[in-house]
Amino acid sequence: MVQAIPIGELSRRTGCNIETIRYYERIGLLPAPARRGRYRSYDGEDVGRLGFVRRARELGFTLDEVRALLGLAAGGQAACAEVRNLAAGHLKDVRARIADLKRMEKALVASVRACDAGDDPGCPLIEALYAKRAAELTAVSS
């Protein structure tokens, strides 16, 4: 007999918020659970699937990518090339975000140093943010 797991226990085992579990059900990442009266009832397979979803989300995969990965996981070895392609695309996005974060770090370091120097009567960080936004708006309207 399969042990029934209530939603609170599923949440505890996976570290996933109850509302997030319900959301994943609504969007089809988790199958609709069996019911015992008004209560949702899960099993070990649901724990594994939710763990998969959470780990993929932690790695930055979008919900659509997670859905695709779940579909491919059912395909076994034949789907490995498709999973590789999806992962390669995700890797490209991650590298682009890392580059953005490095640029952000440099800008913040410069702003903090300017604040520490205290040479400017205003706030260098606020001024830098306004200057960046103004430059973006000027470029768009040109």
N, C-alpha and C. Protein backbone atom coordinates (compact mmCIF):
# COMPACT_ATOMS: atom_id res chain seq x y z
N MET A 1 0.84 -1.19 0.00
CA MET A 1 0.00 0.00 0.00
C MET A 1 0.88 1.25 0.00
N VAL A 2 0.56 2.22 -0.84
CA VAL A 2 1.29 3.47 -0.93
C VAL A 2 0.86 4.37 0.21
N GLN A 3 1.86 4.93 0.90
CA GLN A 3 1.55 5.81 2.02
C GLN A 3 1.09 7.17 1.51
N ALA A 4 -0.05 7.62 2.02
CA ALA A 4 -0.59 8.92 1.65
C ALA A 4 0.15 10.01 2.43
N ILE A 5 0.56 11.05 1.71
CA ILE A 5 1.29 12.15 2.32
C ILE A 5 0.43 13.41 2.21
N PRO A 6 0.11 14.04 3.33
CA PRO A 6 -0.65 15.29 3.25
C PRO A 6 0.23 16.43 2.73
N ILE A 7 -0.39 17.51 2.29
CA ILE A 7 0.34 18.61 1.68
C ILE A 7 1.36 19.23 2.64
N GLY A 8 1.04 19.32 3.90
CA GLY A 8 1.99 19.88 4.88
C GLY A 8 3.25 19.05 4.97
N GLU A 9 3.09 17.73 4.93
CA GLU A 9 4.25 16.83 4.98
C GLU A 9 5.05 16.92 3.68
N LEU A 10 4.35 17.03 2.54
CA LEU A 10 5.05 17.21 1.26
C LEU A 10 5.87 18.49 1.30
N SER A 11 5.29 19.54 1.84
CA SER A 11 5.99 20.81 1.98
C SER A 11 7.23 20.65 2.86
N ARG A 12 7.09 19.97 3.97
CA ARG A 12 8.21 19.77 4.89
C ARG A 12 9.32 18.96 4.24
N ARG A 13 8.96 17.89 3.55
CA ARG A 13 9.95 17.01 2.93
C ARG A 13 10.73 17.67 1.80
N THR A 14 10.07 18.57 1.09
CA THR A 14 10.70 19.17 -0.09
C THR A 14 11.18 20.60 0.14
N GLY A 15 10.76 21.21 1.25
CA GLY A 15 11.13 22.60 1.49
C GLY A 15 10.37 23.56 0.60
N CYS A 16 9.27 23.12 0.04
CA CYS A 16 8.48 23.93 -0.89
C CYS A 16 7.24 24.45 -0.16
N ASN A 17 7.00 25.72 -0.28
CA ASN A 17 5.85 26.37 0.34
C ASN A 17 4.55 25.72 -0.15
N ILE A 18 3.57 25.61 0.72
CA ILE A 18 2.28 25.00 0.38
C ILE A 18 1.61 25.73 -0.77
N GLU A 19 1.62 27.06 -0.75
CA GLU A 19 1.00 27.82 -1.83
C GLU A 19 1.71 27.57 -3.16
N THR A 20 3.02 27.38 -3.11
CA THR A 20 3.78 27.08 -4.34
C THR A 20 3.38 25.70 -4.86
N ILE A 21 3.19 24.74 -3.99
CA ILE A 21 2.75 23.41 -4.39
C ILE A 21 1.40 23.52 -5.10
N ARG A 22 0.50 24.24 -4.52
CA ARG A 22 -0.83 24.42 -5.13
C ARG A 22 -0.71 25.12 -6.50
N TYR A 23 0.18 26.11 -6.59
CA TYR A 23 0.40 26.81 -7.86
C TYR A 23 0.94 25.85 -8.91
N TYR A 24 1.92 25.04 -8.54
CA TYR A 24 2.48 24.07 -9.48
C TYR A 24 1.42 23.09 -9.96
N GLU A 25 0.48 22.76 -9.11
CA GLU A 25 -0.64 21.90 -9.53
C GLU A 25 -1.51 22.62 -10.55
N ARG A 26 -1.83 23.89 -10.26
CA ARG A 26 -2.70 24.66 -11.17
C ARG A 26 -2.09 24.80 -12.56
N ILE A 27 -0.77 24.94 -12.64
CA ILE A 27 -0.14 25.15 -13.94
C ILE A 27 0.35 23.84 -14.56
N GLY A 28 0.10 22.73 -13.89
CA GLY A 28 0.37 21.42 -14.47
C GLY A 28 1.77 20.87 -14.27
N LEU A 29 2.60 21.51 -13.44
CA LEU A 29 3.92 20.94 -13.16
C LEU A 29 3.82 19.74 -12.23
N LEU A 30 2.81 19.75 -11.40
CA LEU A 30 2.50 18.60 -10.55
C LEU A 30 1.12 18.10 -10.93
N PRO A 31 0.95 16.79 -11.00
CA PRO A 31 -0.38 16.27 -11.32
C PRO A 31 -1.36 16.55 -10.18
N ALA A 32 -2.62 16.62 -10.52
CA ALA A 32 -3.64 16.80 -9.49
C ALA A 32 -3.57 15.61 -8.54
N PRO A 33 -3.46 15.87 -7.26
CA PRO A 33 -3.32 14.77 -6.31
C PRO A 33 -4.65 14.06 -6.04
N ALA A 34 -4.52 12.86 -5.53
CA ALA A 34 -5.71 12.15 -5.06
C ALA A 34 -6.28 12.94 -3.89
N ARG A 35 -7.53 12.74 -3.62
CA ARG A 35 -8.18 13.45 -2.51
C ARG A 35 -8.70 12.46 -1.49
N ARG A 36 -8.59 12.85 -0.28
CA ARG A 36 -9.23 12.12 0.83
C ARG A 36 -10.16 13.13 1.48
N GLY A 37 -11.38 13.12 1.01
CA GLY A 37 -12.31 14.16 1.45
C GLY A 37 -11.87 15.48 0.84
N ARG A 38 -11.65 16.47 1.70
CA ARG A 38 -11.22 17.79 1.23
C ARG A 38 -9.70 17.89 1.11
N TYR A 39 -8.98 16.87 1.55
CA TYR A 39 -7.53 16.97 1.67
C TYR A 39 -6.79 16.32 0.51
N ARG A 40 -5.75 17.00 0.06
CA ARG A 40 -4.88 16.46 -0.97
C ARG A 40 -4.05 15.33 -0.37
N SER A 41 -3.77 14.33 -1.19
CA SER A 41 -3.01 13.18 -0.73
C SER A 41 -1.93 12.87 -1.77
N TYR A 42 -0.67 12.91 -1.36
CA TYR A 42 0.46 12.72 -2.26
C TYR A 42 1.15 11.40 -1.95
N ASP A 43 2.12 11.05 -2.82
CA ASP A 43 2.90 9.84 -2.58
C ASP A 43 4.38 10.13 -2.85
N GLY A 44 5.19 9.11 -2.77
CA GLY A 44 6.63 9.26 -2.96
C GLY A 44 7.00 9.78 -4.34
N GLU A 45 6.23 9.42 -5.34
CA GLU A 45 6.50 9.92 -6.69
C GLU A 45 6.31 11.43 -6.75
N ASP A 46 5.32 11.93 -6.04
CA ASP A 46 5.09 13.37 -5.98
C ASP A 46 6.25 14.08 -5.28
N VAL A 47 6.79 13.46 -4.24
CA VAL A 47 7.94 14.02 -3.54
C VAL A 47 9.11 14.15 -4.51
N GLY A 48 9.37 13.09 -5.28
CA GLY A 48 10.46 13.12 -6.24
C GLY A 48 10.26 14.15 -7.33
N ARG A 49 9.05 14.23 -7.87
CA ARG A 49 8.76 15.19 -8.94
C ARG A 49 8.90 16.62 -8.43
N LEU A 50 8.37 16.90 -7.24
CA LEU A 50 8.49 18.24 -6.69
C LEU A 50 9.94 18.58 -6.39
N GLY A 51 10.71 17.61 -5.93
CA GLY A 51 12.14 17.82 -5.71
C GLY A 51 12.85 18.19 -7.01
N PHE A 52 12.48 17.51 -8.09
CA PHE A 52 13.03 17.79 -9.42
C PHE A 52 12.69 19.23 -9.83
N VAL A 53 11.43 19.62 -9.65
CA VAL A 53 10.98 20.96 -10.02
C VAL A 53 11.74 22.00 -9.21
N ARG A 54 11.84 21.79 -7.92
CA ARG A 54 12.54 22.76 -7.05
C ARG A 54 14.01 22.90 -7.44
N ARG A 55 14.67 21.79 -7.70
CA ARG A 55 16.09 21.85 -8.05
C ARG A 55 16.28 22.57 -9.39
N ALA A 56 15.42 22.28 -10.35
CA ALA A 56 15.51 22.96 -11.64
C ALA A 56 15.28 24.46 -11.48
N ARG A 57 14.33 24.84 -10.64
CA ARG A 57 14.07 26.26 -10.40
C ARG A 57 15.26 26.91 -9.70
N GLU A 58 15.88 26.20 -8.75
CA GLU A 58 17.07 26.72 -8.07
C GLU A 58 18.20 26.98 -9.06
N LEU A 59 18.28 26.17 -10.10
CA LEU A 59 19.30 26.34 -11.12
C LEU A 59 18.92 27.42 -12.13
N GLY A 60 17.75 28.01 -11.96
CA GLY A 60 17.35 29.14 -12.78
C GLY A 60 16.53 28.80 -14.00
N PHE A 61 16.11 27.56 -14.14
CA PHE A 61 15.27 27.20 -15.28
C PHE A 61 13.90 27.87 -15.11
N THR A 62 13.35 28.35 -16.20
CA THR A 62 12.01 28.95 -16.17
C THR A 62 10.97 27.83 -15.99
N LEU A 63 9.76 28.22 -15.68
CA LEU A 63 8.69 27.23 -15.53
C LEU A 63 8.46 26.47 -16.84
N ASP A 64 8.54 27.17 -17.96
CA ASP A 64 8.37 26.49 -19.25
C ASP A 64 9.51 25.50 -19.49
N GLU A 65 10.73 25.88 -19.12
CA GLU A 65 11.87 24.96 -19.27
C GLU A 65 11.72 23.75 -18.36
N VAL A 66 11.24 23.98 -17.14
CA VAL A 66 11.01 22.86 -16.21
C VAL A 66 9.97 21.91 -16.80
N ARG A 67 8.91 22.49 -17.36
CA ARG A 67 7.86 21.66 -17.99
C ARG A 67 8.47 20.82 -19.11
N ALA A 68 9.32 21.43 -19.93
CA ALA A 68 9.97 20.70 -21.02
C ALA A 68 10.88 19.61 -20.47
N LEU A 69 11.63 19.92 -19.43
CA LEU A 69 12.52 18.91 -18.83
C LEU A 69 11.73 17.73 -18.28
N LEU A 70 10.61 18.03 -17.63
CA LEU A 70 9.77 16.94 -17.11
C LEU A 70 9.28 16.06 -18.25
N GLY A 71 8.87 16.67 -19.34
CA GLY A 71 8.42 15.90 -20.49
C GLY A 71 9.54 15.07 -21.08
N LEU A 72 10.74 15.64 -21.14
CA LEU A 72 11.88 14.93 -21.69
C LEU A 72 12.35 13.81 -20.76
N ALA A 73 12.20 14.02 -19.44
CA ALA A 73 12.63 13.01 -18.48
C ALA A 73 11.88 11.70 -18.70
N ALA A 74 10.66 11.79 -19.15
CA ALA A 74 9.86 10.59 -19.42
C ALA A 74 10.33 9.88 -20.68
N GLY A 75 11.11 10.57 -21.52
CA GLY A 75 11.58 10.00 -22.78
C GLY A 75 12.81 9.13 -22.66
N GLY A 76 13.42 9.09 -21.49
CA GLY A 76 14.61 8.26 -21.29
C GLY A 76 15.81 8.75 -22.08
N GLN A 77 16.68 7.84 -22.46
CA GLN A 77 17.94 8.16 -23.12
C GLN A 77 17.74 8.86 -24.46
N ALA A 78 16.67 8.56 -25.17
CA ALA A 78 16.43 9.16 -26.47
C ALA A 78 16.29 10.67 -26.38
N ALA A 79 15.85 11.18 -25.24
CA ALA A 79 15.63 12.61 -25.07
C ALA A 79 16.89 13.35 -24.61
N CYS A 80 17.97 12.64 -24.39
CA CYS A 80 19.18 13.24 -23.83
C CYS A 80 19.70 14.39 -24.69
N ALA A 81 19.68 14.26 -26.00
CA ALA A 81 20.17 15.32 -26.88
C ALA A 81 19.32 16.58 -26.74
N GLU A 82 18.01 16.42 -26.58
CA GLU A 82 17.14 17.57 -26.40
C GLU A 82 17.40 18.25 -25.06
N VAL A 83 17.62 17.45 -24.02
CA VAL A 83 17.94 17.99 -22.71
C VAL A 83 19.26 18.77 -22.79
N ARG A 84 20.23 18.22 -23.50
CA ARG A 84 21.52 18.88 -23.67
C ARG A 84 21.34 20.24 -24.35
N ASN A 85 20.51 20.31 -25.39
CA ASN A 85 20.27 21.56 -26.09
C ASN A 85 19.59 22.59 -25.19
N LEU A 86 18.63 22.14 -24.41
CA LEU A 86 17.95 23.03 -23.48
C LEU A 86 18.94 23.55 -22.44
N ALA A 87 19.79 22.66 -21.93
CA ALA A 87 20.79 23.06 -20.93
C ALA A 87 21.81 24.01 -21.53
N ALA A 88 22.22 23.79 -22.78
CA ALA A 88 23.18 24.67 -23.43
C ALA A 88 22.60 26.08 -23.59
N GLY A 89 21.34 26.18 -23.95
CA GLY A 89 20.68 27.48 -24.04
C GLY A 89 20.61 28.17 -22.70
N HIS A 90 20.32 27.39 -21.67
CA HIS A 90 20.25 27.94 -20.32
C HIS A 90 21.64 28.41 -19.86
N LEU A 91 22.66 27.65 -20.20
CA LEU A 91 24.02 28.01 -19.84
C LEU A 91 24.39 29.37 -20.46
N LYS A 92 23.99 29.59 -21.70
CA LYS A 92 24.25 30.86 -22.37
C LYS A 92 23.59 32.00 -21.59
N ASP A 93 22.35 31.80 -21.16
CA ASP A 93 21.65 32.82 -20.38
C ASP A 93 22.34 33.08 -19.04
N VAL A 94 22.79 32.02 -18.38
CA VAL A 94 23.47 32.16 -17.09
C VAL A 94 24.76 32.96 -17.27
N ARG A 95 25.51 32.66 -18.31
CA ARG A 95 26.75 33.40 -18.55
C ARG A 95 26.48 34.87 -18.82
N ALA A 96 25.40 35.17 -19.53
CA ALA A 96 25.04 36.57 -19.78
C ALA A 96 24.68 37.27 -18.48
N ARG A 97 23.96 36.58 -17.60
CA ARG A 97 23.61 37.18 -16.30
C ARG A 97 24.85 37.41 -15.45
N ILE A 98 25.80 36.46 -15.49
CA ILE A 98 27.05 36.63 -14.74
C ILE A 98 27.79 37.87 -15.24
N ALA A 99 27.84 38.06 -16.55
CA ALA A 99 28.50 39.24 -17.11
C ALA A 99 27.80 40.52 -16.64
N ASP A 100 26.46 40.51 -16.62
CA ASP A 100 25.70 41.66 -16.12
C ASP A 100 26.00 41.93 -14.66
N LEU A 101 26.07 40.87 -13.87
CA LEU A 101 26.37 41.02 -12.44
C LEU A 101 27.77 41.57 -12.22
N LYS A 102 28.72 41.16 -13.03
CA LYS A 102 30.08 41.70 -12.90
C LYS A 102 30.11 43.19 -13.22
N ARG A 103 29.37 43.61 -14.25
CA ARG A 103 29.28 45.03 -14.57
C ARG A 103 28.60 45.79 -13.42
N MET A 104 27.56 45.19 -12.85
CA MET A 104 26.87 45.80 -11.74
C MET A 104 27.81 45.94 -10.54
N GLU A 105 28.60 44.91 -10.29
CA GLU A 105 29.55 44.95 -9.17
C GLU A 105 30.52 46.11 -9.34
N LYS A 106 31.07 46.28 -10.53
CA LYS A 106 32.01 47.38 -10.78
C LYS A 106 31.36 48.73 -10.53
N ALA A 107 30.12 48.89 -11.01
CA ALA A 107 29.43 50.16 -10.81
C ALA A 107 29.16 50.42 -9.34
N LEU A 108 28.78 49.38 -8.60
CA LEU A 108 28.52 49.54 -7.17
C LEU A 108 29.80 49.83 -6.40
N VAL A 109 30.88 49.16 -6.74
CA VAL A 109 32.16 49.41 -6.07
C VAL A 109 32.56 50.88 -6.26
N ALA A 110 32.44 51.37 -7.50
CA ALA A 110 32.79 52.76 -7.78
C ALA A 110 31.89 53.72 -7.00
N SER A 111 30.60 53.41 -6.93
CA SER A 111 29.66 54.27 -6.21
C SER A 111 29.94 54.27 -4.71
N VAL A 112 30.22 53.11 -4.15
CA VAL A 112 30.52 53.03 -2.72
C VAL A 112 31.81 53.79 -2.41
N ARG A 113 32.81 53.64 -3.26
CA ARG A 113 34.07 54.39 -3.06
C ARG A 113 33.81 55.89 -3.10
N ALA A 114 32.99 56.33 -4.06
CA ALA A 114 32.67 57.75 -4.16
C ALA A 114 31.94 58.23 -2.91
N CYS A 115 31.05 57.39 -2.38
CA CYS A 115 30.35 57.75 -1.14
C CYS A 115 31.34 57.85 0.02
N ASP A 116 32.25 56.88 0.10
CA ASP A 116 33.24 56.87 1.18
C ASP A 116 34.16 58.08 1.12
N ALA A 117 34.48 58.52 -0.10
CA ALA A 117 35.38 59.67 -0.26
C ALA A 117 34.72 60.95 0.25
N GLY A 118 33.40 61.05 0.10
CA GLY A 118 32.67 62.19 0.62
C GLY A 118 32.96 63.50 -0.08
N ASP A 119 33.56 63.44 -1.26
CA ASP A 119 33.90 64.66 -2.00
C ASP A 119 32.69 65.31 -2.65
N ASP A 120 31.67 64.51 -2.93
CA ASP A 120 30.50 65.00 -3.65
C ASP A 120 29.44 65.43 -2.64
N PRO A 121 28.85 66.63 -2.80
CA PRO A 121 27.82 67.07 -1.85
C PRO A 121 26.54 66.23 -1.91
N GLY A 122 26.28 65.62 -3.06
CA GLY A 122 25.11 64.77 -3.21
C GLY A 122 25.49 63.32 -2.93
N CYS A 123 24.60 62.43 -3.29
CA CYS A 123 24.86 60.99 -3.14
C CYS A 123 25.30 60.44 -4.49
N PRO A 124 26.55 59.99 -4.61
CA PRO A 124 27.04 59.49 -5.89
C PRO A 124 26.25 58.32 -6.45
N LEU A 125 25.76 57.46 -5.58
CA LEU A 125 25.00 56.30 -6.06
C LEU A 125 23.67 56.75 -6.68
N ILE A 126 22.97 57.63 -6.00
CA ILE A 126 21.70 58.13 -6.53
C ILE A 126 21.94 58.86 -7.85
N GLU A 127 22.96 59.69 -7.87
CA GLU A 127 23.28 60.43 -9.09
C GLU A 127 23.65 59.50 -10.24
N ALA A 128 24.41 58.44 -9.94
CA ALA A 128 24.80 57.48 -10.98
C ALA A 128 23.57 56.76 -11.53
N LEU A 129 22.64 56.43 -10.66
CA LEU A 129 21.42 55.76 -11.11
C LEU A 129 20.58 56.69 -11.98
N TYR A 130 20.46 57.95 -11.58
CA TYR A 130 19.72 58.90 -12.40
C TYR A 130 20.42 59.13 -13.74
N ALA A 131 21.73 59.23 -13.73
CA ALA A 131 22.48 59.47 -14.96
C ALA A 131 22.32 58.30 -15.91
N LYS A 132 22.37 57.08 -15.41
CA LYS A 132 22.23 55.89 -16.25
C LYS A 132 20.84 55.86 -16.88
N ARG A 133 19.82 56.12 -16.08
CA ARG A 133 18.44 56.09 -16.58
C ARG A 133 18.22 57.20 -17.61
N ALA A 134 18.76 58.38 -17.34
CA ALA A 134 18.62 59.49 -18.28
C ALA A 134 19.29 59.15 -19.61
N ALA A 135 20.46 58.52 -19.55
CA ALA A 135 21.17 58.13 -20.78
C ALA A 135 20.36 57.10 -21.56
N GLU A 136 19.73 56.16 -20.86
CA GLU A 136 18.91 55.14 -21.53
C GLU A 136 17.71 55.80 -22.21
N LEU A 137 17.05 56.73 -21.53
CA LEU A 137 15.88 57.40 -22.08
C LEU A 137 16.25 58.26 -23.28
N THR A 138 17.40 58.91 -23.21
CA THR A 138 17.87 59.74 -24.31
C THR A 138 18.16 58.87 -25.54
N ALA A 139 18.76 57.71 -25.31
CA ALA A 139 19.09 56.80 -26.41
C ALA A 139 17.82 56.25 -27.06
N VAL A 140 16.79 55.98 -26.28
CA VAL A 140 15.53 55.46 -26.80
C VAL A 140 14.80 56.51 -27.62
N SER A 141 14.83 57.76 -27.17
CA SER A 141 14.09 58.81 -27.86
C SER A 141 14.82 59.35 -29.09
N SER A 142 16.09 58.99 -29.26
CA SER A 142 16.86 59.48 -30.42
C SER A 142 16.49 58.77 -31.69
